[in-house]
Amino acid sequence: IYNRAYAVGEESERGRAEARHLTKHAAACAQRAQEYSKTTLAQRLQDIHFWRVELQKEVMELDAETNLLAAQKLRLERTLDATEVPFGVVTDNLQCRERRQPPDLVIDEVERQLLKEADLIRNIRDLLKRTIIQATNQIRSNRIQKEFCELDWSDKVETYHIDDKCVSYNNDSTDIQFHPSSVKFEENASTPKTWAQFSHDNIYSAEQEKLASVQLRSLINNIIHDVSEDLRMQRAAVNEAFDNHCRELDDAKLRLEQHLEKILKDIGEEEANIVALKKAIREKETHLKVAQTRLYDRSFRPNIELCKDEPQFRLVSEVEELTVFIEALKRKLMESEQCLKNLEETRMKLEKEIAVKANSIFIDREKCMTFRIRYPVDLEVASYK
């Protein structure tokens, strides 16, 4: 009995020693495990903070870039609106010039430059519309990628708060409790590598969209500058063509007016000539009447008195001579009347041609060139208004 009691005592003491050792070892291991877990959580907080800051930076930069691109898109829209006036001006010019009269109703240099200007404006408007669509799509892409980054950033913020709370837990915390089911891994849980890759991909995509947006803004600047310069040069070419054509019309009209002045002078002189010819014919006919009357009366001389004397020969010669002169004067009168008719026809043609030139000058200078004053000075300037 004594030996048995001694053995039981020893076993009990050994058990207590083992329990004390196990308790001490478990406490030390638990403390180390808790500290290590806290350290890994702190390290995790640094990783989360890094990606959260990077994502926040990308969100802000992408938002700023999107606003800049939206401003450029607004410039495109204003530039497109500003092309309506030039297109209306060139259309009105072409329609006005359709009211020219032949022979001025031709496709001249002004017409060719106006048609070129109309085509240029149509091409500019098409380019601006396409670029506006491109900018709209890029803005949409920027906002979609920004939303992806914001969602990732939001998850990072929420996770940071969770892990930060976990770091603060200790054995004296009042809100700790058992959660036996929490030790299992979720099937859809990410790995550290896929977790970091996800944010990296979001940031990379954001950088790509931002780069595309910056390049598009630069392209928009170049487009607005180029189309403004192209339209300015074409406007100058059209105005120069108008100026040259108006000078040519002025010169042609002046030459026609000078020619008309000479024709009117010729008409006056020809009319005076016709009056003089008619007067000469009447005078010669009077002389002819006198001579023929003398011959007629002398034909009644009786008997031997009906003599072919010198007066008789003189009177016959006079009648023949007067008849020749009268016929020659009548022929000259007919020629003069025909010449007067030709001069009158030429006068009417000249007056019509002068009227055509005056109408063309009125259309080009008073209608077209005056209306072109409404042309915007610069599309690039208009894009900021």
Protein backbone atom coordinates (compact mmCIF):
# COMPACT_ATOMS: atom_id res chain seq x y z
CA ILE A 1 0.00 0.00 0.00
CA TYR A 2 2.83 2.39 0.89
CA ASN A 3 4.63 1.74 -2.36
CA ARG A 4 1.48 2.21 -4.33
CA ALA A 5 0.71 5.48 -2.59
CA TYR A 6 4.26 6.66 -3.27
CA ALA A 7 3.95 5.80 -6.93
CA VAL A 8 0.66 7.61 -7.23
CA GLY A 9 2.19 10.65 -5.55
CA GLU A 10 5.08 10.70 -7.94
CA GLU A 11 2.81 10.34 -10.96
CA SER A 12 0.65 13.16 -9.69
CA GLU A 13 3.65 15.42 -9.18
CA ARG A 14 4.94 14.53 -12.65
CA GLY A 15 1.55 15.30 -14.13
CA ARG A 16 1.48 18.67 -12.42
CA ALA A 17 4.96 19.45 -13.67
CA GLU A 18 3.98 18.51 -17.21
CA ALA A 19 0.85 20.62 -16.92
CA ARG A 20 2.91 23.60 -15.74
CA HIS A 21 5.37 23.07 -18.57
CA LEU A 22 2.60 22.67 -21.16
CA THR A 23 0.82 25.75 -19.87
CA LYS A 24 4.03 27.78 -19.98
CA HIS A 25 4.91 26.47 -23.45
CA ALA A 26 1.37 27.01 -24.78
CA ALA A 27 1.37 30.54 -23.39
CA ALA A 28 4.71 31.31 -25.02
CA CYS A 29 3.65 29.78 -28.35
CA ALA A 30 0.29 31.56 -28.31
CA GLN A 31 2.02 34.85 -27.55
CA ARG A 32 4.53 34.34 -30.36
CA ALA A 33 1.75 33.30 -32.75
CA GLN A 34 -0.33 36.32 -31.82
CA GLU A 35 2.62 38.66 -32.25
CA TYR A 36 3.53 37.10 -35.60
CA SER A 37 -0.08 37.33 -36.76
CA LYS A 38 -0.09 40.98 -35.70
CA THR A 39 3.12 41.57 -37.61
CA THR A 40 1.75 39.95 -40.77
CA LEU A 41 -1.44 41.97 -40.40
CA ALA A 42 0.63 45.16 -40.04
CA GLN A 43 2.60 44.22 -43.14
CA ARG A 44 -0.66 43.53 -44.93
CA LEU A 45 -1.90 46.96 -43.90
CA GLN A 46 1.15 48.49 -45.55
CA ASP A 47 0.45 46.57 -48.77
CA ILE A 48 -3.20 47.58 -48.72
CA HIS A 49 -2.22 51.18 -48.00
CA PHE A 50 0.22 51.19 -50.92
CA TRP A 51 -2.37 49.97 -53.42
CA ARG A 52 -5.05 52.18 -51.93
CA VAL A 53 -2.85 55.25 -52.41
CA GLU A 54 -1.91 54.20 -55.95
CA LEU A 55 -5.55 53.58 -56.83
CA GLN A 56 -6.63 56.88 -55.31
CA LYS A 57 -3.91 58.63 -57.30
CA GLU A 58 -5.09 56.95 -60.51
CA VAL A 59 -8.71 57.86 -59.78
CA MET A 60 -7.81 61.52 -59.26
CA GLU A 61 -5.53 61.68 -62.29
CA LEU A 62 -8.04 59.88 -64.49
CA ASP A 63 -10.81 62.19 -63.29
CA ALA A 64 -8.66 65.25 -64.01
CA GLU A 65 -7.72 63.87 -67.45
CA THR A 66 -11.37 63.16 -68.23
CA ASN A 67 -12.28 66.75 -67.33
CA LEU A 68 -9.51 68.04 -69.63
CA LEU A 69 -10.74 65.80 -72.44
CA ALA A 70 -14.33 66.94 -71.84
CA ALA A 71 -13.10 70.53 -72.22
CA GLN A 72 -11.43 69.60 -75.51
CA LYS A 73 -14.63 67.91 -76.64
CA LEU A 74 -16.48 71.14 -75.86
CA ARG A 75 -13.95 73.00 -78.02
CA LEU A 76 -14.66 70.57 -80.85
CA GLU A 77 -18.40 71.18 -80.50
CA ARG A 78 -17.89 74.95 -80.49
CA THR A 79 -15.65 74.67 -83.54
CA LEU A 80 -18.31 72.58 -85.28
CA ASP A 81 -20.94 75.19 -84.41
CA ALA A 82 -18.62 77.92 -85.71
CA THR A 83 -18.45 76.23 -89.14
CA GLU A 84 -22.20 76.76 -89.66
CA VAL A 85 -21.68 80.44 -90.49
CA PRO A 86 -18.95 79.85 -93.12
CA PHE A 87 -20.99 77.05 -94.66
CA GLY A 88 -24.04 79.32 -94.78
CA VAL A 89 -21.94 82.10 -96.31
CA VAL A 90 -20.42 79.93 -99.06
CA THR A 91 -23.82 78.36 -99.82
CA ASP A 92 -25.39 81.82 -100.09
CA ASN A 93 -22.52 82.98 -102.33
CA LEU A 94 -23.05 80.05 -104.70
CA GLN A 95 -26.80 80.62 -104.78
CA CYS A 96 -26.38 84.36 -105.40
CA ARG A 97 -23.97 83.74 -108.28
CA GLU A 98 -26.57 81.50 -109.95
CA ARG A 99 -28.47 84.75 -110.65
CA ARG A 100 -25.70 85.98 -112.96
CA GLN A 101 -26.70 86.33 -116.60
CA PRO A 102 -25.00 84.91 -119.68
CA PRO A 103 -22.23 85.26 -120.74
CA ASP A 104 -21.08 85.81 -117.12
CA LEU A 105 -22.93 82.70 -115.90
CA VAL A 106 -19.86 80.48 -116.15
CA ILE A 107 -17.69 78.41 -113.80
CA ASP A 108 -14.94 80.98 -113.29
CA GLU A 109 -12.08 81.04 -110.77
CA VAL A 110 -14.35 82.48 -108.07
CA GLU A 111 -16.82 79.64 -108.61
CA ARG A 112 -14.06 77.04 -108.43
CA GLN A 113 -12.68 78.53 -105.21
CA LEU A 114 -16.17 78.70 -103.68
CA LEU A 115 -16.83 75.04 -104.56
CA LYS A 116 -13.44 74.14 -103.08
CA GLU A 117 -14.34 76.10 -99.94
CA ALA A 118 -17.70 74.32 -99.65
CA ASP A 119 -16.00 70.91 -99.97
CA LEU A 120 -13.38 71.92 -97.40
CA ILE A 121 -16.01 72.98 -94.87
CA ARG A 122 -17.96 69.75 -95.40
CA ASN A 123 -14.78 67.73 -94.86
CA ILE A 124 -13.94 69.77 -91.75
CA ARG A 125 -17.41 69.22 -90.33
CA ASP A 126 -17.18 65.47 -90.97
CA LEU A 127 -13.74 65.34 -89.31
CA LEU A 128 -14.97 67.29 -86.29
CA LYS A 129 -18.01 65.05 -85.92
CA ARG A 130 -15.86 61.91 -86.07
CA THR A 131 -13.44 63.35 -83.52
CA ILE A 132 -16.31 64.31 -81.21
CA ILE A 133 -17.53 60.71 -81.33
CA GLN A 134 -13.98 59.52 -80.63
CA ALA A 135 -13.70 61.90 -77.66
CA THR A 136 -17.09 60.78 -76.35
CA ASN A 137 -16.02 57.13 -76.50
CA GLN A 138 -12.71 57.92 -74.78
CA ILE A 139 -14.50 59.85 -72.02
CA ARG A 140 -16.78 56.85 -71.54
CA SER A 141 -13.76 54.51 -71.37
CA ASN A 142 -12.05 56.82 -68.88
CA ARG A 143 -15.10 56.86 -66.65
CA ILE A 144 -15.55 53.09 -66.83
CA GLN A 145 -11.92 52.51 -65.89
CA LYS A 146 -12.21 55.15 -63.17
CA GLU A 147 -15.21 53.25 -61.80
CA PHE A 148 -13.19 50.02 -61.77
CA CYS A 149 -10.40 51.75 -59.85
CA GLU A 150 -12.89 53.36 -57.47
CA LEU A 151 -14.47 49.99 -56.72
CA ASP A 152 -11.04 48.48 -56.11
CA TRP A 153 -10.08 51.48 -53.98
CA SER A 154 -13.33 51.21 -52.02
CA ASP A 155 -12.66 47.53 -51.34
CA LYS A 156 -9.15 48.42 -50.25
CA VAL A 157 -10.45 51.07 -47.85
CA GLU A 158 -12.96 48.66 -46.33
CA THR A 159 -10.33 45.91 -46.06
CA TYR A 160 -7.87 48.35 -44.46
CA HIS A 161 -10.40 49.22 -41.78
CA ILE A 162 -11.06 45.52 -41.15
CA ASP A 163 -7.38 44.58 -40.88
CA ASP A 164 -6.60 47.69 -38.84
CA LYS A 165 -9.29 46.61 -36.42
CA CYS A 166 -7.79 43.11 -36.36
CA VAL A 167 -4.36 44.55 -35.50
CA SER A 168 -5.87 46.34 -32.50
CA TYR A 169 -7.30 43.14 -30.99
CA ASN A 170 -5.54 41.69 -27.91
CA ASN A 171 -6.43 39.35 -25.06
CA ASP A 172 -7.97 42.20 -23.11
CA SER A 173 -10.33 43.27 -25.93
CA THR A 174 -13.97 43.13 -24.88
CA ASP A 175 -15.45 42.35 -28.32
CA ILE A 176 -13.61 39.08 -29.01
CA GLN A 177 -15.46 35.77 -29.12
CA PHE A 178 -15.33 32.25 -30.58
CA HIS A 179 -15.94 31.81 -34.36
CA PRO A 180 -15.12 28.14 -35.04
CA SER A 181 -16.31 28.29 -38.67
CA SER A 182 -13.98 31.17 -39.58
CA VAL A 183 -10.90 28.98 -39.94
CA LYS A 184 -11.89 27.60 -43.32
CA PHE A 185 -10.70 29.21 -46.60
CA GLU A 186 -13.30 30.56 -49.05
CA GLU A 187 -13.32 28.77 -52.37
CA ASN A 188 -13.34 32.05 -54.32
CA ALA A 189 -10.61 33.62 -52.20
CA SER A 190 -7.71 35.23 -54.08
CA THR A 191 -4.04 34.60 -53.51
CA PRO A 192 -1.58 37.38 -52.63
CA LYS A 193 -0.31 37.19 -56.20
CA THR A 194 -3.74 37.44 -57.87
CA TRP A 195 -4.75 40.10 -55.33
CA ALA A 196 -1.80 42.31 -56.23
CA GLN A 197 -2.17 41.53 -59.95
CA PHE A 198 -5.80 42.65 -59.89
CA SER A 199 -4.92 46.14 -58.66
CA HIS A 200 -1.87 46.25 -60.92
CA ASP A 201 -4.07 45.46 -63.93
CA ASN A 202 -6.58 48.14 -62.94
CA ILE A 203 -3.81 50.73 -62.60
CA TYR A 204 -2.21 49.62 -65.88
CA SER A 205 -5.55 49.89 -67.70
CA ALA A 206 -6.10 53.30 -66.16
CA GLU A 207 -2.65 54.42 -67.33
CA GLN A 208 -3.41 53.16 -70.84
CA GLU A 209 -6.72 55.01 -70.96
CA LYS A 210 -5.04 58.12 -69.58
CA LEU A 211 -2.31 57.90 -72.21
CA ALA A 212 -4.90 57.46 -74.96
CA SER A 213 -6.81 60.43 -73.58
CA VAL A 214 -3.68 62.63 -73.52
CA GLN A 215 -2.84 61.66 -77.09
CA LEU A 216 -6.41 62.38 -78.18
CA ARG A 217 -6.29 65.82 -76.55
CA SER A 218 -3.09 66.56 -78.46
CA LEU A 219 -4.74 65.33 -81.65
CA ILE A 220 -7.75 67.56 -81.01
CA ASN A 221 -5.46 70.56 -80.55
CA ASN A 222 -3.76 69.80 -83.86
CA ILE A 223 -7.06 69.21 -85.65
CA ILE A 224 -8.58 72.49 -84.47
CA HIS A 225 -5.40 74.38 -85.39
CA ASP A 226 -5.09 72.71 -88.80
CA VAL A 227 -8.73 73.10 -89.85
CA SER A 228 -8.68 76.71 -88.67
CA GLU A 229 -5.57 77.38 -90.76
CA ASP A 230 -6.94 75.52 -93.80
CA LEU A 231 -10.20 77.46 -93.67
CA ARG A 232 -8.39 80.76 -93.14
CA MET A 233 -6.21 80.14 -96.20
CA GLN A 234 -9.17 79.08 -98.34
CA ARG A 235 -11.15 82.11 -97.20
CA ALA A 236 -8.22 84.32 -98.27
CA ALA A 237 -8.07 82.50 -101.64
CA VAL A 238 -11.80 83.07 -102.22
CA ASN A 239 -11.59 86.73 -101.22
CA GLU A 240 -8.62 87.23 -103.53
CA ALA A 241 -10.52 85.55 -106.38
CA PHE A 242 -13.48 87.85 -105.70
CA ASP A 243 -11.23 90.93 -105.67
CA ASN A 244 -9.52 89.97 -108.91
CA HIS A 245 -12.80 89.09 -110.61
CA CYS A 246 -14.45 92.34 -109.52
CA ARG A 247 -11.49 94.30 -110.90
CA GLU A 248 -11.77 92.40 -114.18
CA LEU A 249 -15.50 93.12 -114.30
CA ASP A 250 -14.87 96.81 -113.56
CA ASP A 251 -12.30 96.99 -116.36
CA ALA A 252 -14.58 95.15 -118.79
CA LYS A 253 -17.53 97.39 -117.87
CA LEU A 254 -15.39 100.50 -118.30
CA ARG A 255 -14.22 99.36 -121.75
CA LEU A 256 -17.81 98.61 -122.74
CA GLU A 257 -18.97 102.01 -121.52
CA GLN A 258 -16.19 103.72 -123.46
CA HIS A 259 -17.14 101.75 -126.55
CA LEU A 260 -20.80 102.62 -125.98
CA GLU A 261 -19.89 106.29 -125.71
CA LYS A 262 -18.15 106.09 -129.10
CA ILE A 263 -21.11 104.18 -130.60
CA LEU A 264 -23.53 106.82 -129.32
CA LYS A 265 -21.36 109.49 -130.87
CA ASP A 266 -21.33 107.55 -134.17
CA ILE A 267 -25.10 107.15 -133.99
CA GLY A 268 -25.52 110.90 -133.57
CA GLU A 269 -23.21 111.61 -136.48
CA GLU A 270 -24.91 108.95 -138.63
CA GLU A 271 -28.33 110.38 -137.86
CA ALA A 272 -27.08 113.85 -138.83
CA ASN A 273 -25.65 112.35 -142.02
CA ILE A 274 -29.00 110.74 -142.87
CA VAL A 275 -30.79 114.06 -142.30
CA ALA A 276 -28.26 115.77 -144.59
CA LEU A 277 -28.69 113.08 -147.27
CA LYS A 278 -32.46 113.35 -147.16
CA LYS A 279 -32.21 117.12 -147.44
CA ALA A 280 -29.80 116.80 -150.39
CA ILE A 281 -32.17 114.33 -152.08
CA ARG A 282 -35.09 116.70 -151.60
CA GLU A 283 -33.07 119.60 -153.01
CA LYS A 284 -31.96 117.54 -156.02
CA GLU A 285 -35.50 116.33 -156.59
CA THR A 286 -36.63 119.98 -156.60
CA HIS A 287 -33.99 120.76 -159.20
CA LEU A 288 -35.15 117.71 -161.17
CA LYS A 289 -38.74 118.92 -161.03
CA VAL A 290 -37.67 122.30 -162.41
CA ALA A 291 -35.70 120.75 -165.26
CA GLN A 292 -38.41 118.20 -166.11
CA THR A 293 -41.09 120.91 -165.95
CA ARG A 294 -39.09 123.04 -168.34
CA LEU A 295 -38.73 120.12 -170.72
CA TYR A 296 -42.42 119.33 -170.42
CA ASP A 297 -43.50 122.90 -171.11
CA ARG A 298 -41.10 123.20 -174.09
CA SER A 299 -42.58 120.06 -175.60
CA PHE A 300 -45.64 122.19 -176.41
CA ARG A 301 -43.74 124.57 -178.69
CA PRO A 302 -45.61 124.78 -181.98
CA ASN A 303 -44.41 123.56 -185.39
CA ILE A 304 -40.92 124.53 -186.30
CA GLU A 305 -40.35 125.99 -182.86
CA LEU A 306 -40.05 122.43 -181.49
CA CYS A 307 -36.32 122.64 -181.98
CA LYS A 308 -33.47 120.58 -180.50
CA ASP A 309 -31.68 123.72 -179.52
CA GLU A 310 -28.92 124.17 -176.97
CA PRO A 311 -31.34 124.75 -174.04
CA GLN A 312 -33.06 121.48 -174.93
CA PHE A 313 -29.76 119.56 -174.86
CA ARG A 314 -28.77 121.33 -171.63
CA LEU A 315 -32.07 120.50 -169.93
CA VAL A 316 -31.86 116.82 -170.97
CA SER A 317 -28.27 116.67 -169.72
CA GLU A 318 -29.32 118.33 -166.48
CA VAL A 319 -32.12 115.76 -165.90
CA GLU A 320 -29.77 112.88 -166.57
CA GLU A 321 -27.14 114.33 -164.26
CA LEU A 322 -29.67 115.03 -161.50
CA THR A 323 -31.10 111.52 -161.82
CA VAL A 324 -27.64 110.01 -161.39
CA PHE A 325 -26.98 112.16 -158.32
CA ILE A 326 -30.36 111.35 -156.78
CA GLU A 327 -29.86 107.59 -157.27
CA ALA A 328 -26.38 107.82 -155.76
CA LEU A 329 -27.72 109.83 -152.82
CA LYS A 330 -30.52 107.30 -152.28
CA ARG A 331 -28.05 104.43 -152.31
CA LYS A 332 -25.87 106.27 -149.80
CA LEU A 333 -28.99 106.95 -147.72
CA MET A 334 -29.81 103.23 -147.69
CA GLU A 335 -26.23 102.45 -146.66
CA SER A 336 -26.35 105.06 -143.91
CA GLU A 337 -29.69 103.77 -142.63
CA GLN A 338 -28.30 100.21 -142.55
CA CYS A 339 -25.19 101.50 -140.78
CA LEU A 340 -27.42 103.32 -138.27
CA LYS A 341 -29.38 100.10 -137.72
CA ASN A 342 -26.14 98.22 -137.09
CA LEU A 343 -25.00 100.93 -134.72
CA GLU A 344 -28.31 100.73 -132.83
CA GLU A 345 -28.03 96.96 -132.57
CA THR A 346 -24.47 97.34 -131.29
CA ARG A 347 -25.67 99.97 -128.81
CA MET A 348 -28.35 97.60 -127.47
CA LYS A 349 -25.86 94.75 -127.20
CA LEU A 350 -23.40 96.99 -125.39
CA GLU A 351 -26.08 98.28 -123.03
CA LYS A 352 -27.18 94.69 -122.32
CA GLU A 353 -23.58 93.60 -121.76
CA ILE A 354 -22.98 96.59 -119.47
CA ALA A 355 -26.13 95.66 -117.53
CA VAL A 356 -24.89 92.06 -117.28
CA LYS A 357 -21.53 93.28 -115.98
CA ALA A 358 -23.22 95.66 -113.53
CA ASN A 359 -25.41 92.78 -112.29
CA SER A 360 -22.36 90.53 -111.89
CA ILE A 361 -20.48 93.26 -110.01
CA PHE A 362 -23.49 93.83 -107.74
CA ILE A 363 -23.79 90.11 -107.00
CA ASP A 364 -20.06 89.55 -106.35
CA ARG A 365 -19.24 92.81 -104.54
CA GLU A 366 -22.47 93.92 -102.86
CA LYS A 367 -24.03 90.55 -102.17
CA CYS A 368 -21.26 87.96 -101.85
CA MET A 369 -18.32 89.97 -100.54
CA THR A 370 -20.49 91.97 -98.14
CA PHE A 371 -22.01 88.76 -96.76
CA ARG A 372 -18.54 87.25 -96.30
CA ILE A 373 -17.84 89.86 -93.61
CA ARG A 374 -19.84 87.56 -91.29
CA TYR A 375 -17.16 84.91 -91.73
CA PRO A 376 -15.55 84.04 -88.35
CA VAL A 377 -12.01 85.34 -88.08
CA ASP A 378 -10.55 82.14 -86.65
CA LEU A 379 -12.10 78.76 -85.78
CA GLU A 380 -9.39 78.17 -83.18
CA VAL A 381 -10.42 81.37 -81.39
CA ALA A 382 -14.09 80.48 -81.75
CA SER A 383 -13.45 77.12 -80.04
CA TYR A 384 -12.74 78.94 -76.76
CA LYS A 385 -15.84 81.16 -76.87
